[in-house]
Amino acid sequence: MIFLTLYALTALIFLVLDAIMLTLFVAPLFRRHIGHMMLKTPRVRPTAVFYAFYILGLLILISWPAYHDFHVVRAFWQGAI
């Protein structure tokens, strides 16, 4: 149960930060430089699969070890690396 809770929290934090980054910085930059090559609509299934595995990797490498050590600073450092 703890693993699922950590997965949900990691996903929430990551998806919020990623949405901000994509909306405010990446999308305008891409539209300006390679807008003619971009799809009209995003491919949702491959994106969802990628994010699910990416978040699992974040959980295994950052959230789970920090939870076991009860060390917030370790989570920030491992996340930054």
C-alpha atoms as a PDB file:
ATOM      1  CA  MET A   1       0.000   0.000   0.000  1.00  0.00           C
ATOM      2  CA  ILE A   2       2.847   2.380   0.808  1.00  0.00           C
ATOM      3  CA  PHE A   3       4.372   1.681  -2.620  1.00  0.00           C
ATOM      4  CA  LEU A   4       1.122   2.688  -4.373  1.00  0.00           C
ATOM      5  CA  THR A   5       0.815   5.809  -2.244  1.00  0.00           C
ATOM      6  CA  LEU A   6       4.384   6.805  -3.061  1.00  0.00           C
ATOM      7  CA  TYR A   7       3.720   6.088  -6.758  1.00  0.00           C
ATOM      8  CA  ALA A   8       0.635   8.318  -6.691  1.00  0.00           C
ATOM      9  CA  LEU A   9       2.455  11.141  -4.888  1.00  0.00           C
ATOM     10  CA  THR A  10       5.476  10.878  -7.184  1.00  0.00           C
ATOM     11  CA  ALA A  11       3.189  10.889 -10.225  1.00  0.00           C
ATOM     12  CA  LEU A  12       1.256  13.894  -8.950  1.00  0.00           C
ATOM     13  CA  ILE A  13       4.369  15.947  -8.253  1.00  0.00           C
ATOM     14  CA  PHE A  14       6.036  14.957 -11.508  1.00  0.00           C
ATOM     15  CA  LEU A  15       2.971  15.514 -13.704  1.00  0.00           C
ATOM     16  CA  VAL A  16       2.247  18.946 -12.205  1.00  0.00           C
ATOM     17  CA  LEU A  17       5.846  20.101 -12.659  1.00  0.00           C
ATOM     18  CA  ASP A  18       6.025  18.575 -16.138  1.00  0.00           C
ATOM     19  CA  ALA A  19       2.756  20.206 -17.215  1.00  0.00           C
ATOM     20  CA  ILE A  20       4.042  23.606 -16.083  1.00  0.00           C
ATOM     21  CA  MET A  21       7.339  23.116 -17.889  1.00  0.00           C
ATOM     22  CA  LEU A  22       5.733  21.841 -21.088  1.00  0.00           C
ATOM     23  CA  THR A  23       3.062  24.533 -21.175  1.00  0.00           C
ATOM     24  CA  LEU A  24       5.176  27.553 -20.326  1.00  0.00           C
ATOM     25  CA  PHE A  25       8.561  26.773 -21.848  1.00  0.00           C
ATOM     26  CA  VAL A  26       8.816  23.773 -24.142  1.00  0.00           C
ATOM     27  CA  ALA A  27       5.640  24.134 -26.225  1.00  0.00           C
ATOM     28  CA  PRO A  28       6.281  27.769 -27.260  1.00  0.00           C
ATOM     29  CA  LEU A  29       9.894  26.977 -28.090  1.00  0.00           C
ATOM     30  CA  PHE A  30       8.973  23.919 -30.159  1.00  0.00           C
ATOM     31  CA  ARG A  31       6.146  25.737 -31.967  1.00  0.00           C
ATOM     32  CA  ARG A  32       8.484  28.536 -32.940  1.00  0.00           C
ATOM     33  CA  HIS A  33      11.295  26.322 -34.228  1.00  0.00           C
ATOM     34  CA  ILE A  34       9.768  23.023 -35.345  1.00  0.00           C
ATOM     35  CA  GLY A  35       6.038  23.748 -35.359  1.00  0.00           C
ATOM     36  CA  HIS A  36       5.641  22.524 -38.928  1.00  0.00           C
ATOM     37  CA  MET A  37       6.876  19.044 -37.904  1.00  0.00           C
ATOM     38  CA  MET A  38       4.646  18.675 -34.837  1.00  0.00           C
ATOM     39  CA  LEU A  39       1.510  16.548 -34.811  1.00  0.00           C
ATOM     40  CA  LYS A  40      -1.875  18.248 -34.544  1.00  0.00           C
ATOM     41  CA  THR A  41      -2.831  15.997 -31.611  1.00  0.00           C
ATOM     42  CA  PRO A  42      -0.480  14.205 -29.227  1.00  0.00           C
ATOM     43  CA  ARG A  43      -0.164  10.412 -29.170  1.00  0.00           C
ATOM     44  CA  VAL A  44      -1.732   9.580 -25.834  1.00  0.00           C
ATOM     45  CA  ARG A  45      -1.047   5.839 -25.477  1.00  0.00           C
ATOM     46  CA  PRO A  46       2.734   5.910 -26.037  1.00  0.00           C
ATOM     47  CA  THR A  47       2.938   8.973 -23.824  1.00  0.00           C
ATOM     48  CA  ALA A  48       0.997   7.296 -21.007  1.00  0.00           C
ATOM     49  CA  VAL A  49       3.177   4.163 -21.194  1.00  0.00           C
ATOM     50  CA  PHE A  50       6.351   6.257 -21.163  1.00  0.00           C
ATOM     51  CA  TYR A  51       5.184   8.328 -18.176  1.00  0.00           C
ATOM     52  CA  ALA A  52       4.099   5.221 -16.238  1.00  0.00           C
ATOM     53  CA  PHE A  53       7.551   3.646 -16.585  1.00  0.00           C
ATOM     54  CA  TYR A  54       9.379   6.944 -16.062  1.00  0.00           C
ATOM     55  CA  ILE A  55       7.494   7.569 -12.821  1.00  0.00           C
ATOM     56  CA  LEU A  56       8.217   3.994 -11.738  1.00  0.00           C
ATOM     57  CA  GLY A  57      11.913   4.706 -12.307  1.00  0.00           C
ATOM     58  CA  LEU A  58      11.673   7.884 -10.245  1.00  0.00           C
ATOM     59  CA  LEU A  59       9.967   5.933  -7.502  1.00  0.00           C
ATOM     60  CA  ILE A  60      12.606   3.195  -7.446  1.00  0.00           C
ATOM     61  CA  LEU A  61      15.590   5.545  -7.619  1.00  0.00           C
ATOM     62  CA  ILE A  62      14.388   8.484  -5.509  1.00  0.00           C
ATOM     63  CA  SER A  63      11.148   8.179  -3.554  1.00  0.00           C
ATOM     64  CA  TRP A  64      11.468   4.632  -2.198  1.00  0.00           C
ATOM     65  CA  PRO A  65      15.058   4.996  -0.862  1.00  0.00           C
ATOM     66  CA  ALA A  66      14.210   8.374   0.680  1.00  0.00           C
ATOM     67  CA  TYR A  67      11.133   6.870   2.335  1.00  0.00           C
ATOM     68  CA  HIS A  68      13.137   4.037   3.837  1.00  0.00           C
ATOM     69  CA  ASP A  69      15.842   6.373   5.149  1.00  0.00           C
ATOM     70  CA  PHE A  70      13.354   9.033   6.312  1.00  0.00           C
ATOM     71  CA  HIS A  71      15.668  11.548   4.682  1.00  0.00           C
ATOM     72  CA  VAL A  72      14.136  14.415   2.690  1.00  0.00           C
ATOM     73  CA  VAL A  73      17.497  15.902   1.706  1.00  0.00           C
ATOM     74  CA  ARG A  74      18.515  12.586   0.124  1.00  0.00           C
ATOM     75  CA  ALA A  75      15.360  12.654  -1.991  1.00  0.00           C
ATOM     76  CA  PHE A  76      16.150  16.156  -3.251  1.00  0.00           C
ATOM     77  CA  TRP A  77      19.774  15.299  -4.048  1.00  0.00           C
ATOM     78  CA  GLN A  78      18.931  12.061  -5.821  1.00  0.00           C
ATOM     79  CA  GLY A  79      16.169  13.828  -7.716  1.00  0.00           C
ATOM     80  CA  ALA A  80      18.545  16.561  -8.831  1.00  0.00           C
ATOM     81  CA  ILE A  81      21.100  14.068 -10.082  1.00  0.00           C
END
